[in-house]
């Protein structure tokens, strides 16, 4: 969401409750192929591409919006920031 906000991209932010997830969303998402690993987060693009895994989603959005850096050096720095944030989430909780 932060990357989309920074890029000024309009998006629909759908939040799923634990009850909704356990009732049918997970099962239906796996069956339809939308949730390849049966996990969230999930991004569906305007043209119907379904992307799962937070790193894949972030890299896709960064590339799509031009926020991934112009050089491989800048791209590496963006990956470092993302990976560091993920490590902090794991250590200190969501």
C-alpha atoms as a PDB file:
ATOM      1  CA  UNK A   1       0.000   0.000   0.000  1.00  0.00           C
ATOM      2  CA  UNK A   2       2.812   2.390   0.817  1.00  0.00           C
ATOM      3  CA  UNK A   3       4.413   1.908  -2.593  1.00  0.00           C
ATOM      4  CA  UNK A   4       1.094   2.471  -4.362  1.00  0.00           C
ATOM      5  CA  UNK A   5       0.474   5.616  -2.309  1.00  0.00           C
ATOM      6  CA  UNK A   6       3.971   6.919  -3.028  1.00  0.00           C
ATOM      7  CA  UNK A   7       3.475   6.319  -6.749  1.00  0.00           C
ATOM      8  CA  UNK A   8       0.021   7.933  -6.724  1.00  0.00           C
ATOM      9  CA  UNK A   9      -1.633   4.789  -8.060  1.00  0.00           C
ATOM     10  CA  UNK A  10      -5.322   4.252  -7.349  1.00  0.00           C
ATOM     11  CA  UNK A  11      -6.112   0.844  -5.913  1.00  0.00           C
ATOM     12  CA  UNK A  12      -8.826  -1.083  -4.145  1.00  0.00           C
ATOM     13  CA  UNK A  13      -7.741  -2.105  -0.657  1.00  0.00           C
ATOM     14  CA  UNK A  14      -9.611  -5.264   0.302  1.00  0.00           C
ATOM     15  CA  UNK A  15      -9.155  -6.499   3.864  1.00  0.00           C
ATOM     16  CA  UNK A  16     -10.197 -10.035   4.705  1.00  0.00           C
ATOM     17  CA  UNK A  17     -11.233 -11.145   8.153  1.00  0.00           C
ATOM     18  CA  UNK A  18      -9.999 -14.404   9.606  1.00  0.00           C
ATOM     19  CA  UNK A  19     -13.548 -15.733   9.423  1.00  0.00           C
ATOM     20  CA  UNK A  20     -13.852 -14.863   5.712  1.00  0.00           C
ATOM     21  CA  UNK A  21     -10.453 -16.423   5.019  1.00  0.00           C
ATOM     22  CA  UNK A  22     -11.300 -19.648   6.799  1.00  0.00           C
ATOM     23  CA  UNK A  23     -14.824 -19.912   5.384  1.00  0.00           C
ATOM     24  CA  UNK A  24     -14.112 -20.048   1.660  1.00  0.00           C
ATOM     25  CA  UNK A  25     -11.677 -17.456   0.346  1.00  0.00           C
ATOM     26  CA  UNK A  26      -8.576 -19.594   0.813  1.00  0.00           C
ATOM     27  CA  UNK A  27     -10.150 -22.734  -0.654  1.00  0.00           C
ATOM     28  CA  UNK A  28     -11.684 -20.865  -3.593  1.00  0.00           C
ATOM     29  CA  UNK A  29      -8.463 -18.932  -4.238  1.00  0.00           C
ATOM     30  CA  UNK A  30      -6.425 -22.114  -4.434  1.00  0.00           C
ATOM     31  CA  UNK A  31      -8.998 -23.832  -6.658  1.00  0.00           C
ATOM     32  CA  UNK A  32      -9.143 -20.867  -9.058  1.00  0.00           C
ATOM     33  CA  UNK A  33      -5.367 -20.456  -9.196  1.00  0.00           C
ATOM     34  CA  UNK A  34      -5.514 -16.904  -7.835  1.00  0.00           C
ATOM     35  CA  UNK A  35      -3.707 -17.865  -4.624  1.00  0.00           C
ATOM     36  CA  UNK A  36      -0.857 -20.035  -5.819  1.00  0.00           C
ATOM     37  CA  UNK A  37       0.359 -20.913  -2.321  1.00  0.00           C
ATOM     38  CA  UNK A  38      -2.923 -20.402  -0.487  1.00  0.00           C
ATOM     39  CA  UNK A  39      -1.510 -17.312   1.231  1.00  0.00           C
ATOM     40  CA  UNK A  40      -1.903 -13.578   1.345  1.00  0.00           C
ATOM     41  CA  UNK A  41      -0.890 -10.958   0.302  1.00  0.00           C
ATOM     42  CA  UNK A  42      -2.352 -11.144  -3.168  1.00  0.00           C
ATOM     43  CA  UNK A  43      -2.345  -8.545  -5.927  1.00  0.00           C
ATOM     44  CA  UNK A  44      -4.603  -8.743  -8.940  1.00  0.00           C
ATOM     45  CA  UNK A  45      -3.701  -6.333 -11.727  1.00  0.00           C
ATOM     46  CA  UNK A  46      -6.184  -4.564 -13.980  1.00  0.00           C
ATOM     47  CA  UNK A  47      -5.448  -7.083 -16.742  1.00  0.00           C
ATOM     48  CA  UNK A  48      -6.096 -10.060 -14.439  1.00  0.00           C
ATOM     49  CA  UNK A  49      -2.555 -11.073 -13.485  1.00  0.00           C
ATOM     50  CA  UNK A  50      -2.529 -12.609  -9.993  1.00  0.00           C
ATOM     51  CA  UNK A  51       0.661 -12.099  -7.989  1.00  0.00           C
ATOM     52  CA  UNK A  52       1.342 -13.588  -4.558  1.00  0.00           C
ATOM     53  CA  UNK A  53       4.316 -13.320  -2.197  1.00  0.00           C
ATOM     54  CA  UNK A  54       5.112  -9.874  -0.813  1.00  0.00           C
ATOM     55  CA  UNK A  55       8.558  -9.638  -2.431  1.00  0.00           C
ATOM     56  CA  UNK A  56       7.206 -10.467  -5.876  1.00  0.00           C
ATOM     57  CA  UNK A  57       4.381  -7.971  -5.427  1.00  0.00           C
ATOM     58  CA  UNK A  58       6.728  -5.195  -4.282  1.00  0.00           C
ATOM     59  CA  UNK A  59       9.204  -5.768  -7.118  1.00  0.00           C
ATOM     60  CA  UNK A  60       6.386  -5.879  -9.690  1.00  0.00           C
ATOM     61  CA  UNK A  61       4.867  -2.638  -8.394  1.00  0.00           C
ATOM     62  CA  UNK A  62       8.241  -0.921  -8.141  1.00  0.00           C
ATOM     63  CA  UNK A  63       9.092  -1.856 -11.731  1.00  0.00           C
ATOM     64  CA  UNK A  64       5.630  -0.902 -12.965  1.00  0.00           C
ATOM     65  CA  UNK A  65       5.742   2.534 -11.358  1.00  0.00           C
ATOM     66  CA  UNK A  66       9.403   3.359 -11.972  1.00  0.00           C
ATOM     67  CA  UNK A  67      10.263   3.268  -8.269  1.00  0.00           C
ATOM     68  CA  UNK A  68      12.705   0.371  -8.611  1.00  0.00           C
ATOM     69  CA  UNK A  69      15.663   2.554  -9.581  1.00  0.00           C
ATOM     70  CA  UNK A  70      17.228   3.409 -12.881  1.00  0.00           C
ATOM     71  CA  UNK A  71      20.470   1.492 -12.350  1.00  0.00           C
ATOM     72  CA  UNK A  72      21.256  -1.909 -10.905  1.00  0.00           C
ATOM     73  CA  UNK A  73      22.904  -0.111  -7.978  1.00  0.00           C
ATOM     74  CA  UNK A  74      19.678   1.767  -7.196  1.00  0.00           C
ATOM     75  CA  UNK A  75      17.678  -1.427  -7.646  1.00  0.00           C
ATOM     76  CA  UNK A  76      19.947  -3.213  -5.181  1.00  0.00           C
ATOM     77  CA  UNK A  77      19.411  -0.426  -2.646  1.00  0.00           C
ATOM     78  CA  UNK A  78      15.638  -0.730  -3.086  1.00  0.00           C
ATOM     79  CA  UNK A  79      15.909  -4.503  -2.517  1.00  0.00           C
ATOM     80  CA  UNK A  80      17.966  -3.878   0.634  1.00  0.00           C
ATOM     81  CA  UNK A  81      15.316  -1.546   2.045  1.00  0.00           C
ATOM     82  CA  UNK A  82      12.550  -4.031   1.278  1.00  0.00           C
ATOM     83  CA  UNK A  83      14.454  -6.978   2.739  1.00  0.00           C
ATOM     84  CA  UNK A  84      15.336  -4.998   5.858  1.00  0.00           C
ATOM     85  CA  UNK A  85      11.702  -4.061   6.396  1.00  0.00           C
ATOM     86  CA  UNK A  86      10.684  -7.713   5.990  1.00  0.00           C
ATOM     87  CA  UNK A  87      13.302  -8.760   8.559  1.00  0.00           C
ATOM     88  CA  UNK A  88      11.952  -6.175  11.005  1.00  0.00           C
ATOM     89  CA  UNK A  89       8.396  -7.460  10.504  1.00  0.00           C
ATOM     90  CA  UNK A  90       9.561 -10.973  11.306  1.00  0.00           C
ATOM     91  CA  UNK A  91      11.518  -9.908  14.380  1.00  0.00           C
ATOM     92  CA  UNK A  92       9.057  -7.419  15.864  1.00  0.00           C
ATOM     93  CA  UNK A  93       5.737  -8.674  14.495  1.00  0.00           C
ATOM     94  CA  UNK A  94       3.326  -7.348  11.951  1.00  0.00           C
END
